[in-house]
PDB file of N, CA and C in Angstrom:
ATOM      1  N   UNK A   1      39.332  38.095 103.388  1.00  0.00           N
ATOM      2  CA  UNK A   1      38.959  38.348 104.760  1.00  0.00           C
ATOM      3  C   UNK A   1      40.155  38.760 105.624  1.00  0.00           C
ATOM      4  N   UNK A   2      41.321  38.137 105.442  1.00  0.00           N
ATOM      5  CA  UNK A   2      42.450  38.587 106.270  1.00  0.00           C
ATOM      6  C   UNK A   2      42.781  40.062 106.016  1.00  0.00           C
ATOM      7  N   UNK A   3      42.708  40.495 104.775  1.00  0.00           N
ATOM      8  CA  UNK A   3      43.000  41.896 104.444  1.00  0.00           C
ATOM      9  C   UNK A   3      41.997  42.825 105.126  1.00  0.00           C
ATOM     10  N   UNK A   4      40.719  42.454 105.080  1.00  0.00           N
ATOM     11  CA  UNK A   4      39.693  43.262 105.730  1.00  0.00           C
ATOM     12  C   UNK A   4      39.950  43.350 107.233  1.00  0.00           C
ATOM     13  N   UNK A   5      40.366  42.265 107.825  1.00  0.00           N
ATOM     14  CA  UNK A   5      40.668  42.262 109.254  1.00  0.00           C
ATOM     15  C   UNK A   5      41.840  43.186 109.570  1.00  0.00           C
ATOM     16  N   UNK A   6      42.851  43.205 108.718  1.00  0.00           N
ATOM     17  CA  UNK A   6      44.002  44.091 108.923  1.00  0.00           C
ATOM     18  C   UNK A   6      43.568  45.554 108.865  1.00  0.00           C
ATOM     19  N   UNK A   7      42.708  45.878 107.902  1.00  0.00           N
ATOM     20  CA  UNK A   7      42.216  47.258 107.769  1.00  0.00           C
ATOM     21  C   UNK A   7      41.409  47.629 109.013  1.00  0.00           C
ATOM     22  N   UNK A   8      40.508  46.749 109.433  1.00  0.00           N
ATOM     23  CA  UNK A   8      39.699  47.027 110.623  1.00  0.00           C
ATOM     24  C   UNK A   8      40.582  47.208 111.857  1.00  0.00           C
ATOM     25  N   UNK A   9      41.612  46.396 111.994  1.00  0.00           N
ATOM     26  CA  UNK A   9      42.527  46.519 113.139  1.00  0.00           C
ATOM     27  C   UNK A   9      43.253  47.856 113.128  1.00  0.00           C
ATOM     28  N   UNK A  10      43.720  48.286 111.958  1.00  0.00           N
ATOM     29  CA  UNK A  10      44.421  49.566 111.852  1.00  0.00           C
ATOM     30  C   UNK A  10      43.492  50.717 112.235  1.00  0.00           C
ATOM     31  N   UNK A  11      42.246  50.646 111.784  1.00  0.00           N
ATOM     32  CA  UNK A  11      41.289  51.698 112.119  1.00  0.00           C
ATOM     33  C   UNK A  11      40.929  51.654 113.601  1.00  0.00           C
ATOM     34  N   UNK A  12      40.778  50.462 114.130  1.00  0.00           N
ATOM     35  CA  UNK A  12      40.426  50.311 115.545  1.00  0.00           C
ATOM     36  C   UNK A  12      41.516  50.874 116.453  1.00  0.00           C
ATOM     37  N   UNK A  13      42.768  50.663 116.090  1.00  0.00           N
ATOM     38  CA  UNK A  13      43.879  51.170 116.897  1.00  0.00           C
ATOM     39  C   UNK A  13      43.863  52.687 117.003  1.00  0.00           C
ATOM     40  N   UNK A  14      43.401  53.374 115.957  1.00  0.00           N
ATOM     41  CA  UNK A  14      43.373  54.833 115.963  1.00  0.00           C
ATOM     42  C   UNK A  14      42.086  55.395 116.565  1.00  0.00           C
ATOM     43  N   UNK A  15      41.072  54.553 116.701  1.00  0.00           N
ATOM     44  CA  UNK A  15      39.761  55.002 117.165  1.00  0.00           C
ATOM     45  C   UNK A  15      39.847  55.453 118.623  1.00  0.00           C
ATOM     46  N   UNK A  16      39.310  56.619 118.943  1.00  0.00           N
ATOM     47  CA  UNK A  16      39.394  57.119 120.322  1.00  0.00           C
ATOM     48  C   UNK A  16      38.596  56.266 121.303  1.00  0.00           C
ATOM     49  N   UNK A  17      39.073  56.222 122.535  1.00  0.00           N
ATOM     50  CA  UNK A  17      38.394  55.482 123.601  1.00  0.00           C
ATOM     51  C   UNK A  17      37.300  56.313 124.265  1.00  0.00           C
ATOM     52  N   UNK A  18      37.450  57.638 124.212  1.00  0.00           N
ATOM     53  CA  UNK A  18      36.484  58.535 124.844  1.00  0.00           C
ATOM     54  C   UNK A  18      35.104  58.376 124.190  1.00  0.00           C
ATOM     55  N   UNK A  19      34.024  58.428 124.980  1.00  0.00           N
ATOM     56  CA  UNK A  19      32.682  58.358 124.380  1.00  0.00           C
ATOM     57  C   UNK A  19      32.482  59.466 123.340  1.00  0.00           C
ATOM     58  N   UNK A  20      31.873  59.113 122.214  1.00  0.00           N
ATOM     59  CA  UNK A  20      31.697  60.051 121.108  1.00  0.00           C
ATOM     60  C   UNK A  20      30.697  59.478 120.114  1.00  0.00           C
ATOM     61  N   UNK A  21      30.277  60.308 119.184  1.00  0.00           N
ATOM     62  CA  UNK A  21      29.472  59.864 118.048  1.00  0.00           C
ATOM     63  C   UNK A  21      30.454  59.566 116.922  1.00  0.00           C
ATOM     64  N   UNK A  22      30.335  58.395 116.348  1.00  0.00           N
ATOM     65  CA  UNK A  22      31.202  57.991 115.237  1.00  0.00           C
ATOM     66  C   UNK A  22      30.437  58.165 113.939  1.00  0.00           C
ATOM     67  N   UNK A  23      31.004  58.920 113.027  1.00  0.00           N
ATOM     68  CA  UNK A  23      30.403  59.154 111.713  1.00  0.00           C
ATOM     69  C   UNK A  23      31.209  58.332 110.713  1.00  0.00           C
ATOM     70  N   UNK A  24      30.821  57.063 110.485  1.00  0.00           N
ATOM     71  CA  UNK A  24      31.664  56.142 109.724  1.00  0.00           C
ATOM     72  C   UNK A  24      31.778  56.448 108.238  1.00  0.00           C
ATOM     73  N   UNK A  25      30.750  56.997 107.630  1.00  0.00           N
ATOM     74  CA  UNK A  25      30.876  57.308 106.204  1.00  0.00           C
ATOM     75  C   UNK A  25      29.891  58.399 105.826  1.00  0.00           C
ATOM     76  N   UNK A  26      30.400  59.309 105.041  1.00  0.00           N
ATOM     77  CA  UNK A  26      29.592  60.409 104.529  1.00  0.00           C
ATOM     78  C   UNK A  26      29.960  60.556 103.069  1.00  0.00           C
ATOM     79  N   UNK A  27      28.969  60.650 102.226  1.00  0.00           N
ATOM     80  CA  UNK A  27      29.247  60.818 100.805  1.00  0.00           C
ATOM     81  C   UNK A  27      28.119  61.562 100.131  1.00  0.00           C
ATOM     82  N   UNK A  28      28.456  62.209  99.056  1.00  0.00           N
ATOM     83  CA  UNK A  28      27.475  62.949  98.268  1.00  0.00           C
ATOM     84  C   UNK A  28      27.631  62.534  96.808  1.00  0.00           C
ATOM     85  N   UNK A  29      26.523  62.289  96.158  1.00  0.00           N
ATOM     86  CA  UNK A  29      26.522  61.985  94.731  1.00  0.00           C
ATOM     87  C   UNK A  29      27.282  63.076  93.984  1.00  0.00           C
ATOM     88  N   UNK A  30      28.097  62.681  93.029  1.00  0.00           N
ATOM     89  CA  UNK A  30      28.922  63.674  92.297  1.00  0.00           C
ATOM     90  C   UNK A  30      28.096  64.827  91.738  1.00  0.00           C
ATOM     91  N   UNK A  31      26.920  64.540  91.271  1.00  0.00           N
ATOM     92  CA  UNK A  31      26.076  65.592  90.702  1.00  0.00           C
ATOM     93  C   UNK A  31      25.568  66.595  91.717  1.00  0.00           C
ATOM     94  N   UNK A  32      25.645  66.256  92.991  1.00  0.00           N
ATOM     95  CA  UNK A  32      25.173  67.142  94.057  1.00  0.00           C
ATOM     96  C   UNK A  32      26.303  67.750  94.867  1.00  0.00           C
ATOM     97  N   UNK A  33      27.541  67.378  94.555  1.00  0.00           N
ATOM     98  CA  UNK A  33      28.675  67.917  95.302  1.00  0.00           C
ATOM     99  C   UNK A  33      28.799  69.418  95.069  1.00  0.00           C
ATOM    100  N   UNK A  34      29.187  70.113  96.132  1.00  0.00           N
ATOM    101  CA  UNK A  34      29.366  71.559  96.042  1.00  0.00           C
ATOM    102  C   UNK A  34      28.077  72.339  96.187  1.00  0.00           C
ATOM    103  N   UNK A  35      26.971  71.645  96.471  1.00  0.00           N
ATOM    104  CA  UNK A  35      25.671  72.311  96.596  1.00  0.00           C
ATOM    105  C   UNK A  35      25.207  72.399  98.046  1.00  0.00           C
ATOM    106  N   UNK A  36      26.030  71.943  98.977  1.00  0.00           N
ATOM    107  CA  UNK A  36      25.682  72.036 100.390  1.00  0.00           C
ATOM    108  C   UNK A  36      24.927  70.849 100.951  1.00  0.00           C
ATOM    109  N   UNK A  37      24.731  69.807 100.146  1.00  0.00           N
ATOM    110  CA  UNK A  37      23.981  68.642 100.611  1.00  0.00           C
ATOM    111  C   UNK A  37      24.745  67.923 101.724  1.00  0.00           C
ATOM    112  N   UNK A  38      26.015  67.629 101.488  1.00  0.00           N
ATOM    113  CA  UNK A  38      26.821  66.949 102.503  1.00  0.00           C
ATOM    114  C   UNK A  38      26.949  67.779 103.764  1.00  0.00           C
ATOM    115  N   UNK A  39      27.150  69.077 103.611  1.00  0.00           N
ATOM    116  CA  UNK A  39      27.248  69.966 104.774  1.00  0.00           C
ATOM    117  C   UNK A  39      25.962  69.940 105.584  1.00  0.00           C
ATOM    118  N   UNK A  40      24.823  69.968 104.901  1.00  0.00           N
ATOM    119  CA  UNK A  40      23.538  69.954 105.599  1.00  0.00           C
ATOM    120  C   UNK A  40      23.356  68.661 106.383  1.00  0.00           C
ATOM    121  N   UNK A  41      23.721  67.534 105.781  1.00  0.00           N
ATOM    122  CA  UNK A  41      23.603  66.257 106.481  1.00  0.00           C
ATOM    123  C   UNK A  41      24.492  66.224 107.718  1.00  0.00           C
ATOM    124  N   UNK A  42      25.731  66.657 107.555  1.00  0.00           N
ATOM    125  CA  UNK A  42      26.653  66.662 108.687  1.00  0.00           C
ATOM    126  C   UNK A  42      26.217  67.653 109.763  1.00  0.00           C
ATOM    127  N   UNK A  43      25.779  68.829 109.355  1.00  0.00           N
ATOM    128  CA  UNK A  43      25.377  69.829 110.345  1.00  0.00           C
ATOM    129  C   UNK A  43      24.192  69.334 111.174  1.00  0.00           C
ATOM    130  N   UNK A  44      23.286  68.600 110.549  1.00  0.00           N
ATOM    131  CA  UNK A  44      22.155  68.057 111.300  1.00  0.00           C
ATOM    132  C   UNK A  44      22.659  67.123 112.405  1.00  0.00           C
ATOM    133  N   UNK A  45      23.582  66.241 112.069  1.00  0.00           N
ATOM    134  CA  UNK A  45      24.124  65.324 113.077  1.00  0.00           C
ATOM    135  C   UNK A  45      24.964  66.067 114.104  1.00  0.00           C
ATOM    136  N   UNK A  46      25.765  67.034 113.651  1.00  0.00           N
ATOM    137  CA  UNK A  46      26.622  67.770 114.576  1.00  0.00           C
ATOM    138  C   UNK A  46      25.806  68.652 115.515  1.00  0.00           C
ATOM    139  N   UNK A  47      24.673  69.160 115.056  1.00  0.00           N
ATOM    140  CA  UNK A  47      23.781  69.914 115.941  1.00  0.00           C
ATOM    141  C   UNK A  47      23.306  69.035 117.085  1.00  0.00           C
ATOM    142  N   UNK A  48      22.978  67.783 116.774  1.00  0.00           N
ATOM    143  CA  UNK A  48      22.570  66.845 117.814  1.00  0.00           C
ATOM    144  C   UNK A  48      23.725  66.583 118.780  1.00  0.00           C
ATOM    145  N   UNK A  49      24.915  66.363 118.246  1.00  0.00           N
ATOM    146  CA  UNK A  49      26.091  66.167 119.103  1.00  0.00           C
ATOM    147  C   UNK A  49      26.268  67.362 120.036  1.00  0.00           C
ATOM    148  N   UNK A  50      26.119  68.569 119.507  1.00  0.00           N
ATOM    149  CA  UNK A  50      26.272  69.773 120.317  1.00  0.00           C
ATOM    150  C   UNK A  50      25.216  69.841 121.417  1.00  0.00           C
ATOM    151  N   UNK A  51      23.971  69.547 121.068  1.00  0.00           N
ATOM    152  CA  UNK A  51      22.899  69.588 122.077  1.00  0.00           C
ATOM    153  C   UNK A  51      23.143  68.580 123.194  1.00  0.00           C
ATOM    154  N   UNK A  52      23.722  67.426 122.840  1.00  0.00           N
ATOM    155  CA  UNK A  52      24.003  66.389 123.825  1.00  0.00           C
ATOM    156  C   UNK A  52      25.349  66.564 124.519  1.00  0.00           C
ATOM    157  N   UNK A  53      26.144  67.538 124.050  1.00  0.00           N
ATOM    158  CA  UNK A  53      27.468  67.753 124.629  1.00  0.00           C
ATOM    159  C   UNK A  53      28.438  66.638 124.311  1.00  0.00           C
ATOM    160  N   UNK A  54      28.280  66.012 123.141  1.00  0.00           N
ATOM    161  CA  UNK A  54      29.101  64.861 122.764  1.00  0.00           C
ATOM    162  C   UNK A  54      30.055  65.219 121.626  1.00  0.00           C
ATOM    163  N   UNK A  55      31.307  64.768 121.692  1.00  0.00           N
ATOM    164  CA  UNK A  55      32.225  64.952 120.576  1.00  0.00           C
ATOM    165  C   UNK A  55      31.863  64.026 119.416  1.00  0.00           C
ATOM    166  N   UNK A  56      32.460  64.286 118.267  1.00  0.00           N
ATOM    167  CA  UNK A  56      32.247  63.457 117.074  1.00  0.00           C
ATOM    168  C   UNK A  56      33.600  63.064 116.498  1.00  0.00           C
ATOM    169  N   UNK A  57      33.617  61.917 115.823  1.00  0.00           N
ATOM    170  CA  UNK A  57      34.849  61.370 115.240  1.00  0.00           C
ATOM    171  C   UNK A  57      34.527  60.808 113.867  1.00  0.00           C
ATOM    172  N   UNK A  58      35.463  60.989 112.941  1.00  0.00           N
ATOM    173  CA  UNK A  58      35.361  60.381 111.616  1.00  0.00           C
ATOM    174  C   UNK A  58      36.749  60.177 111.057  1.00  0.00           C
ATOM    175  N   UNK A  59      36.840  59.402 109.996  1.00  0.00           N
ATOM    176  CA  UNK A  59      38.087  59.260 109.255  1.00  0.00           C
ATOM    177  C   UNK A  59      37.849  59.774 107.843  1.00  0.00           C
ATOM    178  N   UNK A  60      38.694  60.686 107.394  1.00  0.00           N
ATOM    179  CA  UNK A  60      38.615  61.172 106.024  1.00  0.00           C
ATOM    180  C   UNK A  60      39.532  60.327 105.150  1.00  0.00           C
ATOM    181  N   UNK A  61      39.014  59.875 104.043  1.00  0.00           N
ATOM    182  CA  UNK A  61      39.826  59.081 103.115  1.00  0.00           C
ATOM    183  C   UNK A  61      40.416  59.943 102.004  1.00  0.00           C
ATOM    184  N   UNK A  62      40.165  61.248 102.073  1.00  0.00           N
ATOM    185  CA  UNK A  62      40.647  62.147 101.033  1.00  0.00           C
ATOM    186  C   UNK A  62      41.233  63.391 101.693  1.00  0.00           C
ATOM    187  N   UNK A  63      42.523  63.592 101.528  1.00  0.00           N
ATOM    188  CA  UNK A  63      43.199  64.730 102.173  1.00  0.00           C
ATOM    189  C   UNK A  63      42.597  66.070 101.745  1.00  0.00           C
ATOM    190  N   UNK A  64      42.058  66.138 100.540  1.00  0.00           N
ATOM    191  CA  UNK A  64      41.472  67.402 100.079  1.00  0.00           C
ATOM    192  C   UNK A  64      40.174  67.737 100.810  1.00  0.00           C
ATOM    193  N   UNK A  65      39.588  66.768 101.530  1.00  0.00           N
ATOM    194  CA  UNK A  65      38.365  67.029 102.298  1.00  0.00           C
ATOM    195  C   UNK A  65      38.652  67.561 103.700  1.00  0.00           C
ATOM    196  N   UNK A  66      39.903  67.529 104.113  1.00  0.00           N
ATOM    197  CA  UNK A  66      40.228  67.966 105.475  1.00  0.00           C
ATOM    198  C   UNK A  66      39.792  69.409 105.725  1.00  0.00           C
ATOM    199  N   UNK A  67      40.047  70.366 104.828  1.00  0.00           N
ATOM    200  CA  UNK A  67      39.567  71.732 105.081  1.00  0.00           C
ATOM    201  C   UNK A  67      38.038  71.814 105.220  1.00  0.00           C
ATOM    202  N   UNK A  68      37.314  70.994 104.471  1.00  0.00           N
ATOM    203  CA  UNK A  68      35.854  70.954 104.590  1.00  0.00           C
ATOM    204  C   UNK A  68      35.463  70.554 106.011  1.00  0.00           C
ATOM    205  N   UNK A  69      36.061  69.475 106.517  1.00  0.00           N
ATOM    206  CA  UNK A  69      35.744  69.013 107.866  1.00  0.00           C
ATOM    207  C   UNK A  69      36.227  70.005 108.919  1.00  0.00           C
ATOM    208  N   UNK A  70      37.369  70.640 108.680  1.00  0.00           N
ATOM    209  CA  UNK A  70      37.851  71.657 109.617  1.00  0.00           C
ATOM    210  C   UNK A  70      36.852  72.805 109.722  1.00  0.00           C
ATOM    211  N   UNK A  71      36.221  73.146 108.609  1.00  0.00           N
ATOM    212  CA  UNK A  71      35.202  74.193 108.613  1.00  0.00           C
ATOM    213  C   UNK A  71      33.984  73.832 109.454  1.00  0.00           C
ATOM    214  N   UNK A  72      33.809  72.551 109.730  1.00  0.00           N
ATOM    215  CA  UNK A  72      32.718  72.081 110.573  1.00  0.00           C
ATOM    216  C   UNK A  72      33.177  71.852 112.018  1.00  0.00           C
ATOM    217  N   UNK A  73      34.434  72.218 112.298  1.00  0.00           N
ATOM    218  CA  UNK A  73      34.935  72.127 113.658  1.00  0.00           C
ATOM    219  C   UNK A  73      35.808  70.922 113.957  1.00  0.00           C
ATOM    220  N   UNK A  74      36.063  70.080 112.965  1.00  0.00           N
ATOM    221  CA  UNK A  74      36.928  68.915 113.173  1.00  0.00           C
ATOM    222  C   UNK A  74      38.388  69.334 113.087  1.00  0.00           C
ATOM    223  N   UNK A  75      39.253  68.535 113.705  1.00  0.00           N
ATOM    224  CA  UNK A  75      40.701  68.715 113.542  1.00  0.00           C
ATOM    225  C   UNK A  75      41.308  67.337 113.305  1.00  0.00           C
ATOM    226  N   UNK A  76      42.257  67.289 112.407  1.00  0.00           N
ATOM    227  CA  UNK A  76      42.956  66.030 112.137  1.00  0.00           C
ATOM    228  C   UNK A  76      43.811  65.686 113.343  1.00  0.00           C
ATOM    229  N   UNK A  77      43.803  64.409 113.724  1.00  0.00           N
ATOM    230  CA  UNK A  77      44.561  63.983 114.899  1.00  0.00           C
ATOM    231  C   UNK A  77      45.729  63.082 114.543  1.00  0.00           C
ATOM    232  N   UNK A  78      45.943  62.826 113.261  1.00  0.00           N
ATOM    233  CA  UNK A  78      47.047  61.968 112.841  1.00  0.00           C
ATOM    234  C   UNK A  78      46.771  61.369 111.478  1.00  0.00           C
ATOM    235  N   UNK A  79      47.407  60.255 111.219  1.00  0.00           N
ATOM    236  CA  UNK A  79      47.220  59.515 109.959  1.00  0.00           C
ATOM    237  C   UNK A  79      47.092  58.043 110.289  1.00  0.00           C
ATOM    238  N   UNK A  80      46.267  57.365 109.516  1.00  0.00           N
ATOM    239  CA  UNK A  80      46.167  55.913 109.606  1.00  0.00           C
ATOM    240  C   UNK A  80      46.664  55.380 108.275  1.00  0.00           C
ATOM    241  N   UNK A  81      47.762  54.675 108.313  1.00  0.00           N
ATOM    242  CA  UNK A  81      48.313  54.070 107.095  1.00  0.00           C
ATOM    243  C   UNK A  81      47.819  52.634 107.035  1.00  0.00           C
ATOM    244  N   UNK A  82      46.948  52.382 106.086  1.00  0.00           N
ATOM    245  CA  UNK A  82      46.378  51.043 105.970  1.00  0.00           C
ATOM    246  C   UNK A  82      47.414  50.070 105.445  1.00  0.00           C
ATOM    247  N   UNK A  83      47.390  48.858 105.939  1.00  0.00           N
ATOM    248  CA  UNK A  83      48.393  47.856 105.535  1.00  0.00           C
ATOM    249  C   UNK A  83      48.254  47.466 104.072  1.00  0.00           C
ATOM    250  N   UNK A  84      49.350  46.956 103.517  1.00  0.00           N
ATOM    251  CA  UNK A  84      49.327  46.458 102.144  1.00  0.00           C
ATOM    252  C   UNK A  84      49.236  47.546 101.097  1.00  0.00           C
ATOM    253  N   UNK A  85      49.682  48.745 101.416  1.00  0.00           N
ATOM    254  CA  UNK A  85      49.650  49.830 100.440  1.00  0.00           C
ATOM    255  C   UNK A  85      48.284  50.467 100.276  1.00  0.00           C
ATOM    256  N   UNK A  86      47.401  50.250 101.244  1.00  0.00           N
ATOM    257  CA  UNK A  86      46.071  50.853 101.185  1.00  0.00           C
ATOM    258  C   UNK A  86      46.147  52.359 101.327  1.00  0.00           C
ATOM    259  N   UNK A  87      45.036  53.030 101.108  1.00  0.00           N
ATOM    260  CA  UNK A  87      45.051  54.501 101.196  1.00  0.00           C
ATOM    261  C   UNK A  87      45.281  54.970 102.627  1.00  0.00           C
ATOM    262  N   UNK A  88      45.748  56.183 102.756  1.00  0.00           N
ATOM    263  CA  UNK A  88      45.903  56.814 104.057  1.00  0.00           C
ATOM    264  C   UNK A  88      44.556  57.388 104.463  1.00  0.00           C
ATOM    265  N   UNK A  89      44.240  57.246 105.744  1.00  0.00           N
ATOM    266  CA  UNK A  89      43.047  57.867 106.309  1.00  0.00           C
ATOM    267  C   UNK A  89      43.500  58.897 107.330  1.00  0.00           C
ATOM    268  N   UNK A  90      42.705  59.944 107.503  1.00  0.00           N
ATOM    269  CA  UNK A  90      43.014  60.975 108.472  1.00  0.00           C
ATOM    270  C   UNK A  90      41.915  60.980 109.523  1.00  0.00           C
ATOM    271  N   UNK A  91      42.221  60.492 110.741  1.00  0.00           N
ATOM    272  CA  UNK A  91      41.229  60.555 111.805  1.00  0.00           C
ATOM    273  C   UNK A  91      40.998  62.007 112.206  1.00  0.00           C
ATOM    274  N   UNK A  92      39.733  62.336 112.453  1.00  0.00           N
ATOM    275  CA  UNK A  92      39.377  63.719 112.770  1.00  0.00           C
ATOM    276  C   UNK A  92      38.424  63.738 113.957  1.00  0.00           C
ATOM    277  N   UNK A  93      38.651  64.685 114.849  1.00  0.00           N
ATOM    278  CA  UNK A  93      37.909  64.803 116.093  1.00  0.00           C
ATOM    279  C   UNK A  93      37.261  66.177 116.167  1.00  0.00           C
ATOM    280  N   UNK A  94      36.069  66.223 116.729  1.00  0.00           N
ATOM    281  CA  UNK A  94      35.362  67.494 116.916  1.00  0.00           C
ATOM    282  C   UNK A  94      34.745  67.519 118.312  1.00  0.00           C
ATOM    283  N   UNK A  95      35.132  68.521 119.084  1.00  0.00           N
ATOM    284  CA  UNK A  95      34.508  68.749 120.383  1.00  0.00           C
ATOM    285  C   UNK A  95      33.141  69.385 120.142  1.00  0.00           C
ATOM    286  N   UNK A  96      32.194  69.152 121.046  1.00  0.00           N
ATOM    287  CA  UNK A  96      30.892  69.791 120.870  1.00  0.00           C
ATOM    288  C   UNK A  96      31.008  71.304 121.002  1.00  0.00           C
ATOM    289  N   UNK A  97      30.178  72.024 120.262  1.00  0.00           N
ATOM    290  CA  UNK A  97      30.220  73.489 120.302  1.00  0.00           C
ATOM    291  C   UNK A  97      29.817  74.010 121.673  1.00  0.00           C
ATOM    292  N   UNK A  98      29.005  73.252 122.388  1.00  0.00           N
ATOM    293  CA  UNK A  98      28.561  73.665 123.717  1.00  0.00           C
ATOM    294  C   UNK A  98      28.980  72.583 124.702  1.00  0.00           C
ATOM    295  N   UNK A  99      30.265  72.562 125.022  1.00  0.00           N
ATOM    296  CA  UNK A  99      30.829  71.502 125.861  1.00  0.00           C
ATOM    297  C   UNK A  99      30.221  71.497 127.270  1.00  0.00           C
ATOM    298  N   UNK A 100      29.549  72.576 127.670  1.00  0.00           N
ATOM    299  CA  UNK A 100      28.967  72.604 129.006  1.00  0.00           C
ATOM    300  C   UNK A 100      27.564  72.009 129.049  1.00  0.00           C
ATOM    301  N   UNK A 101      27.069  71.512 127.902  1.00  0.00           N
ATOM    302  CA  UNK A 101      25.746  70.886 127.868  1.00  0.00           C
ATOM    303  C   UNK A 101      25.790  69.572 128.644  1.00  0.00           C
ATOM    304  N   UNK A 102      24.676  69.196 129.265  1.00  0.00           N
ATOM    305  CA  UNK A 102      24.673  67.942 130.039  1.00  0.00           C
ATOM    306  C   UNK A 102      24.820  66.723 129.147  1.00  0.00           C
ATOM    307  N   UNK A 103      25.525  65.729 129.651  1.00  0.00           N
ATOM    308  CA  UNK A 103      25.686  64.466 128.925  1.00  0.00           C
ATOM    309  C   UNK A 103      24.423  63.634 129.113  1.00  0.00           C
ATOM    310  N   UNK A 104      24.092  62.791 128.116  1.00  0.00           N
ATOM    311  CA  UNK A 104      22.897  61.968 128.262  1.00  0.00           C
ATOM    312  C   UNK A 104      23.088  60.943 129.372  1.00  0.00           C
ATOM    313  N   UNK A 105      21.982  60.603 130.041  1.00  0.00           N
ATOM    314  CA  UNK A 105      21.886  59.526 130.928  1.00  0.00           C
ATOM    315  C   UNK A 105      22.622  59.372 132.126  1.00  0.00           C
TER     316      UNK A 105
END
């Protein structure tokens, strides 16, 4: 439990304060990778973010996925080095495609 708390604290410190949609985990079964399944799932959520005029945030746990997320409009904002030799995470931010859309509520 202490280790989990350290990881959560490291992620929390990097998490943006600005209102946004947080996409905590995205994954595709190995047999379906490269077929557009993950892209379709993300695009559905990102379309909603765009309609609402809301940015999106995620952390990539694999540096080789950064170009994939960049293709969806995300940009890496830094690195999160997890304590105890844990993997590096790359926080990524995406502004809505239609930033002039009205915000909810």
